[in-house]
Each structure stands twice: as C-alpha cells, then as structure tokens.
Amino acid sequence: MSKAHRGKGIRELASRGRGVCPVCSRENTKVLYEQEVGEGDTKTKIKICKTCKAALKHGKKTVPTA
C-alpha cells in the first residue's frame, strides 16, 4: 500500500514545522513537540525538537529560562 498521507499534518504548518529549537539552537529542524516552561502561574509552552524532548525526559538537558 502507498503512503500518500504520511506527514500530512506538518505540511499545513508554517515552514512545514521547521525552525530553530530553543534548547539546542539547532536550525532548520522539525520543532513539533510542546514543552511547558516556567513555574506556578507563569507557565508557557514552547516547541522543541525530538532529540531535546527525549533528553529532557531522561534528565540529560534542562529547559532554558526565559
């Protein structure tokens, strides 16, 4: 079977979901994963790349403070 609809969700995003990751500063990478930043009432959501999401989950990186 063909895979005609693979990646359909990111085709509709600006720049097809690509940008600069705020954690690792890597350019032109897919930033599709949301991460909450801040404490208490000042929580905001930022979009990060796949490798940084995995590193944050395992405690190898920390989220930069705004």
C-alpha atoms as a PDB file:
ATOM      1  CA  MET A   1       0.000   0.000   0.000  1.00  0.00           C
ATOM      2  CA  SER A   2       1.123   3.527  -0.700  1.00  0.00           C
ATOM      3  CA  LYS A   3       1.968   6.045   1.988  1.00  0.00           C
ATOM      4  CA  ALA A   4       0.321   9.087   0.384  1.00  0.00           C
ATOM      5  CA  HIS A   5      -0.811  10.723   3.635  1.00  0.00           C
ATOM      6  CA  ARG A   6       2.431  10.435   5.597  1.00  0.00           C
ATOM      7  CA  GLY A   7       3.390  13.815   7.040  1.00  0.00           C
ATOM      8  CA  LYS A   8       0.079  15.439   6.080  1.00  0.00           C
ATOM      9  CA  GLY A   9      -0.265  17.147   9.460  1.00  0.00           C
ATOM     10  CA  ILE A  10       3.026  19.036   9.235  1.00  0.00           C
ATOM     11  CA  ARG A  11       2.531  20.149   5.635  1.00  0.00           C
ATOM     12  CA  GLU A  12      -0.086  22.607   6.849  1.00  0.00           C
ATOM     13  CA  LEU A  13       2.228  24.229   9.444  1.00  0.00           C
ATOM     14  CA  ALA A  14       4.351  27.273   8.730  1.00  0.00           C
ATOM     15  CA  SER A  15       7.645  26.219   7.116  1.00  0.00           C
ATOM     16  CA  ARG A  16       6.338  22.645   7.341  1.00  0.00           C
ATOM     17  CA  GLY A  17       7.080  22.560  11.064  1.00  0.00           C
ATOM     18  CA  ARG A  18      10.733  23.541  10.740  1.00  0.00           C
ATOM     19  CA  GLY A  19      12.510  26.196  12.760  1.00  0.00           C
ATOM     20  CA  VAL A  20      15.124  26.785  15.457  1.00  0.00           C
ATOM     21  CA  CYS A  21      14.995  24.675  18.606  1.00  0.00           C
ATOM     22  CA  PRO A  22      15.266  26.946  21.684  1.00  0.00           C
ATOM     23  CA  VAL A  23      17.024  24.250  23.747  1.00  0.00           C
ATOM     24  CA  CYS A  24      19.850  23.146  21.439  1.00  0.00           C
ATOM     25  CA  SER A  25      19.781  26.114  18.987  1.00  0.00           C
ATOM     26  CA  ARG A  26      19.775  23.734  16.030  1.00  0.00           C
ATOM     27  CA  GLU A  27      18.476  25.448  12.894  1.00  0.00           C
ATOM     28  CA  ASN A  28      16.026  24.132  10.276  1.00  0.00           C
ATOM     29  CA  THR A  29      14.941  21.146  12.345  1.00  0.00           C
ATOM     30  CA  LYS A  30      11.401  19.959  12.992  1.00  0.00           C
ATOM     31  CA  VAL A  31      10.114  21.635  16.152  1.00  0.00           C
ATOM     32  CA  LEU A  32       6.882  19.763  16.782  1.00  0.00           C
ATOM     33  CA  TYR A  33       6.920  18.784  20.463  1.00  0.00           C
ATOM     34  CA  GLU A  34       5.420  21.056  23.125  1.00  0.00           C
ATOM     35  CA  GLN A  35       7.140  21.522  26.487  1.00  0.00           C
ATOM     36  CA  GLU A  36       5.934  23.611  29.417  1.00  0.00           C
ATOM     37  CA  VAL A  37       8.388  26.204  30.732  1.00  0.00           C
ATOM     38  CA  GLY A  38       8.122  28.227  33.914  1.00  0.00           C
ATOM     39  CA  GLU A  39       6.700  27.807  37.381  1.00  0.00           C
ATOM     40  CA  GLY A  40       3.370  28.481  39.000  1.00  0.00           C
ATOM     41  CA  ASP A  41       1.142  30.855  37.065  1.00  0.00           C
ATOM     42  CA  THR A  42       3.800  31.825  34.520  1.00  0.00           C
ATOM     43  CA  LYS A  43       3.878  28.534  32.612  1.00  0.00           C
ATOM     44  CA  THR A  44       4.209  28.880  28.863  1.00  0.00           C
ATOM     45  CA  LYS A  45       4.525  26.267  26.143  1.00  0.00           C
ATOM     46  CA  ILE A  46       7.444  26.177  23.738  1.00  0.00           C
ATOM     47  CA  LYS A  47       8.035  23.865  20.796  1.00  0.00           C
ATOM     48  CA  ILE A  48      11.232  21.791  20.810  1.00  0.00           C
ATOM     49  CA  CYS A  49      12.835  19.140  18.598  1.00  0.00           C
ATOM     50  CA  LYS A  50      12.561  15.382  19.056  1.00  0.00           C
ATOM     51  CA  THR A  51      16.067  14.824  20.433  1.00  0.00           C
ATOM     52  CA  CYS A  52      15.692  17.566  23.047  1.00  0.00           C
ATOM     53  CA  LYS A  53      12.332  16.149  24.156  1.00  0.00           C
ATOM     54  CA  ALA A  54      13.979  12.769  24.767  1.00  0.00           C
ATOM     55  CA  ALA A  55      16.938  14.388  26.561  1.00  0.00           C
ATOM     56  CA  LEU A  56      14.603  16.369  28.838  1.00  0.00           C
ATOM     57  CA  LYS A  57      12.637  13.243  29.634  1.00  0.00           C
ATOM     58  CA  HIS A  58      15.780  11.382  30.717  1.00  0.00           C
ATOM     59  CA  GLY A  59      17.223  14.368  32.615  1.00  0.00           C
ATOM     60  CA  LYS A  60      20.195  14.969  30.326  1.00  0.00           C
ATOM     61  CA  LYS A  61      19.220  18.547  29.416  1.00  0.00           C
ATOM     62  CA  THR A  62      17.364  21.347  31.140  1.00  0.00           C
ATOM     63  CA  VAL A  63      14.880  23.806  29.680  1.00  0.00           C
ATOM     64  CA  PRO A  64      16.289  27.318  29.290  1.00  0.00           C
ATOM     65  CA  THR A  65      14.682  30.012  31.435  1.00  0.00           C
ATOM     66  CA  ALA A  66      13.040  32.860  29.555  1.00  0.00           C
END
